[in-house]
Amino acid sequence: MGRIFEKRKHKMFARFDKMAKAFTRIGKDIAIAVKQAGPNPDNNPRLRMAIQNAKGVNMPKDRVEAAIKRASSKEEKDFQETVYEGYAPHGVPVIVECATDNPTRTVANVRLHFSKNGGNMGNSGSVMFMFEHRGVFKFDPARLNLDEVELDLIDAGAEDIQRDEEEIVVYTKFADFGQMQKFLESKGWEPKSSELQYIPTTTKELSEAEQDEVMECVSALEADDDVQNVYHNLA
């Protein structure tokens, strides 16, 4: 009974940690968007996207509004977007997206996370060629009838469309991301999330024990406050 309780407690805390990380990540996305193009979402596509993604993770409206207000003040930090590359254990390539107000601190921390967890940081371009930068739009199947709109999505730039009971995922080329975003807005089809992601061109198969070692490195990177996203090609 005690073990079951501990497992449930662990899952609950993991869920809260994941939600807190998502809120922090979107808060930075909002800050960057506001600094770039102002606090009015009508004139700021990146801010509209961040607000949409906030809804997708159930971020409270008052927190979104507070993040926009905070980003509009002169006191708010300027976040710089950086991308680092490296290898997790067993040669698994990793891309780390960051948003930071102190790049010197961030690069040192990222290097430390790699080295402490059996990986190593690489130079720019060392693993990027193994990934494609693509637009990824996720929809609730209950709110989008794919049979009716699939051809329209393809005409708007969809390269690949995948679906299961949980969600519909639409992929575009990097260059077609903005076009798809405008098309969806014109139709009023609101995705759960829309973002640019690094998608691996091939995946790597490892044993369960080896996978655990890779994921320890990935989890350490993801837990860093400056890290926004971590991508890898582990199957």
Protein backbone atom coordinates (compact mmCIF):
# COMPACT_ATOMS: atom_id res chain seq x y z
CA MET A 1 0.00 0.00 0.00
CA GLY A 2 2.83 2.36 0.92
CA ARG A 3 4.62 1.75 -2.40
CA ILE A 4 1.45 2.46 -4.37
CA PHE A 5 0.97 5.74 -2.49
CA GLU A 6 4.58 6.73 -3.14
CA LYS A 7 4.19 6.00 -6.87
CA ARG A 8 1.01 8.09 -7.04
CA LYS A 9 2.69 10.91 -5.16
CA HIS A 10 5.69 10.76 -7.50
CA LYS A 11 3.42 10.90 -10.57
CA MET A 12 1.50 13.84 -9.11
CA PHE A 13 4.67 15.84 -8.42
CA ALA A 14 6.02 14.96 -11.89
CA ARG A 15 2.79 16.29 -13.42
CA PHE A 16 3.06 19.53 -11.43
CA ASP A 17 6.74 19.91 -12.42
CA LYS A 18 5.84 19.41 -16.08
CA MET A 19 3.05 22.00 -15.85
CA ALA A 20 5.30 24.52 -14.05
CA LYS A 21 7.98 24.05 -16.72
CA ALA A 22 5.41 24.56 -19.49
CA PHE A 23 4.17 27.78 -17.86
CA THR A 24 7.73 29.07 -17.48
CA ARG A 25 8.56 28.24 -21.11
CA ILE A 26 5.45 29.98 -22.43
CA GLY A 27 6.06 32.97 -20.14
CA LYS A 28 9.45 33.42 -21.83
CA ASP A 29 7.86 32.98 -25.27
CA ILE A 30 5.43 35.75 -24.38
CA ALA A 31 8.23 38.00 -23.12
CA ILE A 32 10.28 37.52 -26.30
CA ALA A 33 7.24 38.11 -28.52
CA VAL A 34 6.25 41.32 -26.70
CA LYS A 35 9.81 42.68 -26.79
CA GLN A 36 9.98 41.99 -30.53
CA ALA A 37 6.63 43.32 -31.72
CA GLY A 38 4.64 44.83 -28.84
CA PRO A 39 1.86 43.68 -26.49
CA ASN A 40 -1.05 43.74 -28.95
CA PRO A 41 -1.68 40.18 -30.23
CA ASP A 42 -3.64 41.55 -33.21
CA ASN A 43 -0.39 42.96 -34.60
CA ASN A 44 1.94 40.28 -33.25
CA PRO A 45 1.66 36.76 -34.77
CA ARG A 46 4.29 35.33 -32.41
CA LEU A 47 2.39 36.61 -29.37
CA ARG A 48 -0.86 35.14 -30.74
CA MET A 49 0.91 31.81 -31.08
CA ALA A 50 2.24 32.01 -27.49
CA ILE A 51 -1.23 32.84 -26.13
CA GLN A 52 -2.69 29.93 -28.11
CA ASN A 53 -0.06 27.57 -26.70
CA ALA A 54 -0.82 28.87 -23.20
CA LYS A 55 -4.46 27.83 -23.66
CA GLY A 56 -3.27 24.41 -24.84
CA VAL A 57 -1.54 23.73 -21.49
CA ASN A 58 -4.36 25.32 -19.45
CA MET A 59 -2.25 28.28 -18.33
CA PRO A 60 -4.62 30.61 -16.42
CA LYS A 61 -5.69 33.72 -18.33
CA ASP A 62 -4.58 36.03 -15.52
CA ARG A 63 -1.06 34.55 -15.68
CA VAL A 64 -0.95 35.15 -19.44
CA GLU A 65 -2.10 38.76 -18.98
CA ALA A 66 0.43 39.27 -16.18
CA ALA A 67 3.22 37.92 -18.41
CA ILE A 68 2.26 40.35 -21.20
CA LYS A 69 2.12 43.27 -18.78
CA ARG A 70 5.47 42.31 -17.22
CA ALA A 71 7.09 41.97 -20.65
CA SER A 72 5.83 45.45 -21.59
CA SER A 73 7.70 47.10 -18.70
CA LYS A 74 11.24 48.39 -19.10
CA GLU A 75 12.31 46.43 -16.03
CA GLU A 76 11.64 43.05 -17.67
CA LYS A 77 14.74 41.14 -18.72
CA ASP A 78 15.65 40.73 -22.37
CA PHE A 79 15.83 37.05 -23.23
CA GLN A 80 18.26 35.90 -25.90
CA GLU A 81 17.41 32.76 -27.86
CA THR A 82 20.29 30.31 -28.28
CA VAL A 83 20.65 26.77 -29.60
CA TYR A 84 23.27 24.27 -28.40
CA GLU A 85 24.17 20.85 -29.77
CA GLY A 86 25.71 17.76 -28.27
CA TYR A 87 25.53 14.05 -27.63
CA ALA A 88 23.80 12.18 -24.83
CA PRO A 89 25.17 8.76 -23.78
CA HIS A 90 25.53 6.13 -26.53
CA GLY A 91 26.01 8.78 -29.20
CA VAL A 92 22.43 10.05 -29.22
CA PRO A 93 22.37 13.51 -30.87
CA VAL A 94 20.69 16.28 -28.87
CA ILE A 95 19.58 19.84 -29.70
CA VAL A 96 18.92 22.21 -26.79
CA GLU A 97 16.88 25.39 -27.30
CA CYS A 98 17.35 28.08 -24.64
CA ALA A 99 16.00 31.51 -23.77
CA THR A 100 18.33 33.32 -21.39
CA ASP A 101 19.27 36.70 -19.95
CA ASN A 102 22.80 35.40 -19.31
CA PRO A 103 24.27 33.31 -22.19
CA THR A 104 27.56 32.81 -20.31
CA ARG A 105 25.73 31.11 -17.44
CA THR A 106 23.56 29.09 -19.78
CA VAL A 107 26.32 27.64 -21.95
CA ALA A 108 28.28 26.65 -18.83
CA ASN A 109 25.22 24.94 -17.33
CA VAL A 110 24.35 23.10 -20.54
CA ARG A 111 27.94 21.86 -20.87
CA LEU A 112 27.84 20.70 -17.23
CA HIS A 113 24.54 18.82 -17.70
CA PHE A 114 26.01 16.95 -20.66
CA SER A 115 29.28 16.06 -18.93
CA LYS A 116 27.70 15.03 -15.61
CA ASN A 117 25.30 12.68 -17.37
CA GLY A 118 27.61 10.79 -19.69
CA GLY A 119 27.30 13.06 -22.71
CA ASN A 120 29.33 15.83 -24.26
CA MET A 121 28.59 19.21 -25.78
CA GLY A 122 29.36 19.63 -29.47
CA ASN A 123 30.16 22.51 -31.80
CA SER A 124 27.57 24.37 -33.82
CA GLY A 125 26.45 22.13 -36.68
CA SER A 126 27.73 18.92 -35.09
CA VAL A 127 24.26 17.29 -34.91
CA MET A 128 21.95 19.80 -36.62
CA PHE A 129 22.28 17.98 -39.97
CA MET A 130 20.48 14.99 -38.43
CA PHE A 131 17.30 17.03 -37.81
CA GLU A 132 14.80 19.01 -39.88
CA HIS A 133 13.40 22.31 -38.57
CA ARG A 134 9.66 21.96 -39.18
CA GLY A 135 6.37 23.52 -38.19
CA VAL A 136 4.25 21.34 -35.91
CA PHE A 137 0.54 22.04 -35.32
CA LYS A 138 -1.44 19.87 -32.89
CA PHE A 139 -5.23 19.67 -32.85
CA ASP A 140 -7.93 18.09 -30.71
CA PRO A 141 -9.65 15.50 -32.99
CA ALA A 142 -12.99 16.45 -31.42
CA ARG A 143 -12.60 20.01 -32.74
CA LEU A 144 -11.29 19.31 -36.24
CA ASN A 145 -12.86 16.94 -38.78
CA LEU A 146 -9.75 15.82 -40.62
CA ASP A 147 -11.70 13.96 -43.33
CA GLU A 148 -13.32 17.26 -44.33
CA VAL A 149 -10.27 19.55 -44.14
CA GLU A 150 -7.29 17.34 -45.04
CA LEU A 151 -7.03 18.58 -48.66
CA ASP A 152 -7.27 22.20 -47.51
CA LEU A 153 -4.42 21.62 -45.04
CA ILE A 154 -2.28 20.07 -47.78
CA ASP A 155 -2.97 23.05 -50.07
CA ALA A 156 -1.91 25.36 -47.22
CA GLY A 157 1.47 23.63 -46.86
CA ALA A 158 0.95 20.47 -44.80
CA GLU A 159 3.77 18.02 -45.62
CA ASP A 160 2.63 15.24 -43.34
CA ILE A 161 -0.49 14.64 -41.23
CA GLN A 162 -0.68 12.06 -38.45
CA ARG A 163 -3.63 11.23 -36.24
CA ASP A 164 -4.66 8.99 -33.39
CA GLU A 165 -7.38 9.11 -30.73
CA GLU A 166 -5.50 11.75 -28.72
CA GLU A 167 -4.55 14.33 -31.35
CA ILE A 168 -4.01 15.32 -34.96
CA VAL A 169 -0.49 16.51 -35.80
CA VAL A 170 0.21 18.55 -38.94
CA TYR A 171 3.80 19.06 -40.11
CA THR A 172 5.02 21.79 -42.47
CA LYS A 173 8.36 22.87 -43.86
CA PHE A 174 10.07 25.63 -41.87
CA ALA A 175 9.39 28.11 -44.69
CA ASP A 176 5.64 27.27 -44.73
CA PHE A 177 5.05 27.71 -40.99
CA GLY A 178 3.81 31.32 -41.22
CA GLN A 179 1.61 30.52 -44.21
CA MET A 180 -0.07 27.68 -42.33
CA GLN A 181 -0.53 29.86 -39.26
CA LYS A 182 -2.29 32.54 -41.34
CA PHE A 183 -4.45 29.92 -43.07
CA LEU A 184 -5.60 28.40 -39.77
CA GLU A 185 -6.42 31.84 -38.38
CA SER A 186 -8.45 32.69 -41.50
CA LYS A 187 -10.49 29.50 -41.04
CA GLY A 188 -10.83 29.86 -37.26
CA TRP A 189 -9.26 26.41 -36.73
CA GLU A 190 -7.45 26.78 -33.42
CA PRO A 191 -4.70 24.25 -32.71
CA LYS A 192 -3.79 23.12 -29.19
CA SER A 193 -0.23 24.18 -29.95
CA SER A 194 1.79 25.49 -32.86
CA GLU A 195 5.57 25.73 -32.86
CA LEU A 196 8.77 25.11 -34.75
CA GLN A 197 10.50 21.89 -33.70
CA TYR A 198 13.62 19.97 -34.64
CA ILE A 199 12.46 16.60 -35.99
CA PRO A 200 15.09 13.81 -36.36
CA THR A 201 15.50 12.40 -39.86
CA THR A 202 16.34 8.96 -38.41
CA THR A 203 15.85 7.40 -34.98
CA LYS A 204 18.18 5.33 -32.82
CA GLU A 205 17.21 2.03 -31.15
CA LEU A 206 18.75 1.28 -27.74
CA SER A 207 18.20 -1.22 -24.93
CA GLU A 208 15.96 -0.20 -22.04
CA ALA A 209 18.94 0.37 -19.74
CA GLU A 210 20.68 2.51 -22.38
CA GLN A 211 17.48 4.49 -22.97
CA ASP A 212 17.32 5.24 -19.23
CA GLU A 213 20.86 6.66 -19.35
CA VAL A 214 19.97 8.87 -22.32
CA MET A 215 16.79 10.12 -20.66
CA GLU A 216 18.67 11.01 -17.46
CA CYS A 217 20.81 13.37 -19.53
CA VAL A 218 17.76 14.75 -21.38
CA SER A 219 15.85 15.25 -18.10
CA ALA A 220 18.78 17.12 -16.55
CA LEU A 221 18.84 19.48 -19.53
CA GLU A 222 15.06 19.95 -19.50
CA ALA A 223 15.11 20.82 -15.78
CA ASP A 224 17.42 23.80 -16.35
CA ASP A 225 15.53 27.11 -16.03
CA ASP A 226 17.13 28.51 -19.20
CA VAL A 227 16.19 25.53 -21.38
CA GLN A 228 13.03 25.80 -23.47
CA ASN A 229 13.09 22.54 -25.46
CA VAL A 230 15.29 19.47 -25.86
CA TYR A 231 15.21 17.32 -29.00
CA HIS A 232 16.87 13.93 -29.61
CA ASN A 233 16.54 11.00 -31.99
CA LEU A 234 15.98 8.21 -29.47
CA ALA A 235 13.31 5.85 -30.85
